Amino acid sequence: MRIYPAKPTKVYFYATCLVDMFDPEAGLDAITLLEQQGLEVIFIEKQTCCGQPAYSSGYDKEAKQVAQSQMDLFTENWPVVVLSGSCGGMMHHHYRRLFKDDENQVHVDAFCDRVFELTEFLVNVCRVKLNDKGESTSVVMHTSCAARREMNVHVTATQLLTQLDNVEIREQSYETECCGFGGTFAVRHPNISQAMVEDKTRHLSDTRASEFVSADWGCLLNINGALEYQGKPMRGRHLASFLLERTGGK
């Protein structure tokens, strides 16, 4: 069981590649949520990929090089808040494996201990209390595989949504199933990925929720693309943007 630290005064913010490329507003919204908790948010502009695509494709050497370059950026002993359970899982868990028996293992472990996914940080460190200022609506949430199985943050994401008094949370069938993205999996196995995302879009649409949210932009990219291709009206957005809008922050 993870032991959470006291609330700090400063945090590093790790935006992820996909947020940087496809939805920088979600990154800004997450920063605002953190700043509303009285935190000074430090964004290192030289941050890049966490190394997961190389790692999940079996290129450990290359992934280790990327991992080292990222860890070198976050030099101060502040928490690193990550806007993705998938990238968070890579940095919190898999960096340890990449550097197992390495001379820098102790320093790597110390870094990994400082990595937190956004929702777990808001719930377990900031002890955030949300005040819903929006109209009544319904939402269904999709949790990435890594967020659920590696970081176990589907719990904290749900806890944040349940604080919103005017939001009805609808549950999809086969909620724990993958959307078919899986980083490079969608590229290496496109037919399987397509079949999986077709199942996912059907289950989400069947809830008849007004919209869906996810805390991982890889899943959002995959599912939204499939929904658009299918001509379905439902669209998803990052949980951070949804939370900020509901609480009157934008």
Protein backbone atom coordinates (compact mmCIF):
# COMPACT_ATOMS: atom_id res chain seq x y z
CA MET A 1 0.00 0.00 0.00
CA ARG A 2 1.38 3.37 -1.01
CA ILE A 3 2.14 5.92 1.70
CA TYR A 4 1.30 9.44 0.58
CA PRO A 5 3.30 12.49 1.67
CA ALA A 6 2.03 15.69 3.24
CA LYS A 7 0.85 18.33 0.81
CA PRO A 8 3.90 20.15 -0.63
CA THR A 9 4.26 23.78 -1.69
CA LYS A 10 5.64 22.99 -5.16
CA VAL A 11 5.15 20.25 -7.74
CA TYR A 12 6.60 19.38 -11.11
CA PHE A 13 4.03 18.88 -13.87
CA TYR A 14 4.52 16.21 -16.54
CA ALA A 15 2.09 16.88 -19.37
CA THR A 16 2.75 13.81 -21.62
CA CYS A 17 3.38 13.81 -25.37
CA LEU A 18 -0.23 13.32 -26.41
CA VAL A 19 -1.57 16.18 -24.32
CA ASP A 20 1.20 18.41 -25.65
CA MET A 21 0.36 17.51 -29.26
CA PHE A 22 -3.40 17.06 -29.24
CA ASP A 23 -4.92 18.83 -26.23
CA PRO A 24 -2.61 21.33 -24.52
CA GLU A 25 -5.69 22.93 -22.97
CA ALA A 26 -6.13 19.80 -20.83
CA GLY A 27 -2.62 20.37 -19.53
CA LEU A 28 -3.40 23.98 -18.68
CA ASP A 29 -6.62 22.89 -16.99
CA ALA A 30 -4.75 20.37 -14.85
CA ILE A 31 -2.23 23.03 -13.87
CA THR A 32 -5.10 25.30 -12.83
CA LEU A 33 -6.59 22.53 -10.68
CA LEU A 34 -3.24 22.17 -8.91
CA GLU A 35 -2.81 25.92 -8.50
CA GLN A 36 -6.27 26.12 -6.94
CA GLN A 37 -4.86 23.90 -4.20
CA GLY A 38 -2.25 26.54 -3.41
CA LEU A 39 0.59 24.78 -5.21
CA GLU A 40 3.33 26.36 -7.28
CA VAL A 41 3.46 24.31 -10.47
CA ILE A 42 6.81 23.93 -12.23
CA PHE A 43 6.70 22.95 -15.91
CA ILE A 44 10.02 21.88 -17.41
CA GLU A 45 9.85 22.79 -21.10
CA LYS A 46 12.51 20.26 -22.12
CA GLN A 47 10.37 17.30 -21.04
CA THR A 48 9.56 14.85 -23.83
CA CYS A 49 8.33 11.25 -24.01
CA CYS A 50 8.39 9.00 -20.94
CA GLY A 51 9.81 6.15 -23.03
CA GLN A 52 6.76 3.91 -22.97
CA PRO A 53 6.45 3.36 -26.76
CA ALA A 54 10.00 2.03 -26.94
CA TYR A 55 9.58 0.02 -23.73
CA SER A 56 6.31 -1.65 -24.76
CA SER A 57 7.88 -2.54 -28.12
CA GLY A 58 10.79 -4.32 -26.45
CA TYR A 59 13.48 -1.67 -26.90
CA ASP A 60 14.74 -1.54 -23.33
CA LYS A 61 18.04 0.16 -24.16
CA GLU A 62 16.35 3.02 -25.97
CA ALA A 63 13.63 3.30 -23.33
CA LYS A 64 16.28 3.49 -20.61
CA GLN A 65 18.00 6.36 -22.42
CA VAL A 66 14.73 8.28 -22.66
CA ALA A 67 13.91 7.55 -19.03
CA GLN A 68 17.29 8.85 -17.88
CA SER A 69 16.89 12.03 -19.91
CA GLN A 70 13.54 12.70 -18.25
CA MET A 71 14.70 11.96 -14.71
CA ASP A 72 17.63 14.33 -15.20
CA LEU A 73 15.17 17.21 -15.66
CA PHE A 74 13.39 16.87 -12.31
CA THR A 75 16.29 17.55 -9.98
CA GLU A 76 14.54 18.96 -6.93
CA ASN A 77 12.80 16.71 -4.42
CA TRP A 78 9.28 17.75 -5.40
CA PRO A 79 6.44 15.47 -6.50
CA VAL A 80 6.10 14.86 -10.24
CA VAL A 81 2.40 14.99 -11.13
CA VAL A 82 1.64 13.14 -14.36
CA LEU A 83 -1.42 13.74 -16.54
CA SER A 84 -1.83 10.08 -17.47
CA GLY A 85 -2.11 6.78 -15.66
CA SER A 86 -0.26 5.13 -18.52
CA CYS A 87 2.76 7.45 -18.38
CA GLY A 88 2.51 7.47 -14.60
CA GLY A 89 2.69 3.69 -14.57
CA MET A 90 5.74 3.76 -16.80
CA MET A 91 7.56 6.29 -14.63
CA HIS A 92 6.47 4.96 -11.24
CA HIS A 93 6.82 1.22 -11.91
CA HIS A 94 8.74 0.40 -15.07
CA TYR A 95 11.64 2.79 -14.64
CA ARG A 96 12.55 0.61 -11.65
CA ARG A 97 12.76 -2.47 -13.87
CA LEU A 98 14.79 -0.69 -16.54
CA PHE A 99 17.39 0.32 -13.95
CA LYS A 100 17.35 -2.87 -11.89
CA ASP A 101 20.88 -3.63 -10.65
CA ASP A 102 22.08 -0.37 -12.20
CA GLU A 103 24.54 1.74 -10.21
CA ASN A 104 21.90 4.48 -10.13
CA GLN A 105 19.14 2.17 -8.83
CA VAL A 106 18.78 4.02 -5.51
CA HIS A 107 18.36 7.38 -7.25
CA VAL A 108 15.90 5.90 -9.74
CA ASP A 109 13.78 4.41 -6.95
CA ALA A 110 13.74 7.79 -5.20
CA PHE A 111 12.52 9.44 -8.40
CA CYS A 112 9.85 6.79 -8.98
CA ASP A 113 8.56 7.33 -5.45
CA ARG A 114 7.94 10.99 -6.34
CA VAL A 115 5.74 10.20 -9.36
CA PHE A 116 1.97 10.60 -8.94
CA GLU A 117 -0.91 10.45 -11.38
CA LEU A 118 -3.06 13.60 -11.27
CA THR A 119 -6.22 12.19 -9.67
CA GLU A 120 -4.39 10.24 -6.96
CA PHE A 121 -2.42 13.37 -6.11
CA LEU A 122 -5.55 15.52 -5.87
CA VAL A 123 -7.38 12.97 -3.71
CA ASN A 124 -4.65 11.45 -1.54
CA VAL A 125 -2.21 14.34 -1.17
CA CYS A 126 -4.25 17.53 -1.66
CA ARG A 127 -7.42 16.05 -0.11
CA VAL A 128 -9.37 18.14 -2.62
CA LYS A 129 -13.04 18.97 -2.08
CA LEU A 130 -14.93 19.95 -5.23
CA ASN A 131 -17.95 22.25 -5.43
CA ASP A 132 -20.07 21.49 -8.50
CA LYS A 133 -21.38 24.66 -10.15
CA GLY A 134 -22.66 23.11 -13.37
CA GLU A 135 -26.09 22.11 -14.64
CA SER A 136 -27.31 18.54 -14.25
CA THR A 137 -25.64 16.16 -16.68
CA SER A 138 -24.58 12.55 -17.09
CA VAL A 139 -21.14 11.16 -17.77
CA VAL A 140 -19.47 7.81 -18.30
CA MET A 141 -15.80 7.29 -17.54
CA HIS A 142 -13.26 5.15 -19.35
CA THR A 143 -10.14 4.18 -17.42
CA SER A 144 -7.00 3.11 -19.23
CA CYS A 145 -5.55 -0.32 -18.53
CA ALA A 146 -2.41 1.10 -16.92
CA ALA A 147 -4.39 3.54 -14.79
CA ARG A 148 -6.50 0.67 -13.49
CA ARG A 149 -4.03 -2.19 -13.20
CA GLU A 150 -0.71 -0.47 -12.56
CA MET A 151 -1.60 2.77 -10.78
CA ASN A 152 -5.00 1.75 -9.36
CA VAL A 153 -6.24 5.30 -9.94
CA HIS A 154 -9.66 4.41 -11.34
CA VAL A 155 -10.67 4.65 -7.68
CA THR A 156 -9.46 8.23 -7.24
CA ALA A 157 -10.89 9.37 -10.57
CA THR A 158 -14.29 8.04 -9.52
CA GLN A 159 -13.97 9.70 -6.12
CA LEU A 160 -13.50 13.07 -7.82
CA LEU A 161 -16.54 12.56 -10.05
CA THR A 162 -18.72 11.52 -7.11
CA GLN A 163 -17.98 14.87 -5.45
CA LEU A 164 -19.89 16.59 -8.27
CA ASP A 165 -23.47 16.80 -6.98
CA ASN A 166 -25.09 17.51 -10.35
CA VAL A 167 -23.31 14.80 -12.31
CA GLU A 168 -24.88 11.38 -12.80
CA ILE A 169 -22.18 8.74 -13.32
CA ARG A 170 -23.25 5.99 -15.69
CA GLU A 171 -21.42 2.69 -15.88
CA GLN A 172 -20.61 1.04 -19.19
CA SER A 173 -20.75 -2.69 -19.82
CA TYR A 174 -17.37 -4.42 -19.71
CA GLU A 175 -15.96 -1.33 -18.05
CA THR A 176 -12.54 -2.86 -17.36
CA GLU A 177 -11.86 -3.84 -20.98
CA CYS A 178 -9.16 -2.11 -23.04
CA CYS A 179 -10.12 0.40 -25.74
CA GLY A 180 -7.57 -1.11 -28.12
CA PHE A 181 -5.04 1.72 -28.15
CA GLY A 182 -2.20 0.37 -26.03
CA GLY A 183 0.37 2.77 -27.47
CA THR A 184 2.17 0.95 -30.29
CA PHE A 185 -0.28 -1.98 -30.01
CA ALA A 186 -2.75 -0.11 -32.23
CA VAL A 187 -0.05 0.24 -34.89
CA ARG A 188 1.29 -3.31 -34.68
CA HIS A 189 -2.14 -4.98 -34.48
CA PRO A 190 -4.57 -2.61 -36.26
CA ASN A 191 -7.30 -5.17 -36.93
CA ILE A 192 -7.46 -6.32 -33.33
CA SER A 193 -7.31 -2.72 -32.13
CA GLN A 194 -10.19 -1.74 -34.40
CA ALA A 195 -12.37 -4.58 -33.14
CA MET A 196 -11.64 -3.63 -29.54
CA VAL A 197 -12.45 0.06 -29.99
CA GLU A 198 -15.69 -0.82 -31.81
CA ASP A 199 -16.76 -2.77 -28.73
CA LYS A 200 -15.73 0.13 -26.50
CA THR A 201 -17.63 2.79 -28.47
CA ARG A 202 -20.75 0.63 -28.45
CA HIS A 203 -20.60 0.15 -24.69
CA LEU A 204 -20.03 3.86 -24.08
CA SER A 205 -22.83 4.91 -26.43
CA ASP A 206 -25.24 2.41 -24.90
CA THR A 207 -25.09 4.32 -21.60
CA ARG A 208 -26.67 7.35 -23.34
CA ALA A 209 -24.51 9.59 -21.18
CA SER A 210 -24.09 13.17 -22.36
CA GLU A 211 -20.33 12.66 -22.70
CA PHE A 212 -17.49 10.48 -21.58
CA VAL A 213 -14.28 11.37 -19.79
CA SER A 214 -10.92 9.71 -19.38
CA ALA A 215 -7.70 10.66 -17.63
CA ASP A 216 -5.58 9.24 -20.47
CA TRP A 217 -5.32 11.01 -23.80
CA GLY A 218 -4.21 7.89 -25.65
CA CYS A 219 -7.60 6.33 -24.97
CA LEU A 220 -9.37 9.59 -25.82
CA LEU A 221 -7.53 9.82 -29.13
CA ASN A 222 -8.46 6.27 -30.06
CA ILE A 223 -12.08 6.33 -28.91
CA ASN A 224 -12.90 9.81 -30.24
CA GLY A 225 -11.42 8.88 -33.61
CA ALA A 226 -13.59 5.77 -33.76
CA LEU A 227 -16.72 7.67 -32.69
CA GLU A 228 -16.15 10.28 -35.39
CA TYR A 229 -15.56 7.60 -38.03
CA GLN A 230 -18.77 5.85 -36.96
CA GLY A 231 -20.74 9.10 -37.12
CA LYS A 232 -21.75 8.92 -33.47
CA PRO A 233 -22.35 12.19 -31.60
CA MET A 234 -20.70 11.30 -28.28
CA ARG A 235 -17.27 12.77 -27.65
CA GLY A 236 -14.83 12.44 -24.79
CA ARG A 237 -12.51 14.88 -23.07
CA HIS A 238 -9.88 14.78 -20.40
CA LEU A 239 -11.11 14.47 -16.85
CA ALA A 240 -9.08 17.52 -15.81
CA SER A 241 -10.97 19.75 -18.25
CA PHE A 242 -14.30 18.33 -17.12
CA LEU A 243 -13.52 18.89 -13.44
CA LEU A 244 -12.33 22.45 -13.98
CA GLU A 245 -15.41 23.36 -16.00
CA ARG A 246 -17.79 21.82 -13.46
CA THR A 247 -16.20 23.73 -10.60
CA GLY A 248 -16.37 27.08 -12.37
CA GLY A 249 -12.70 27.38 -13.19
CA LYS A 250 -13.26 27.99 -16.93
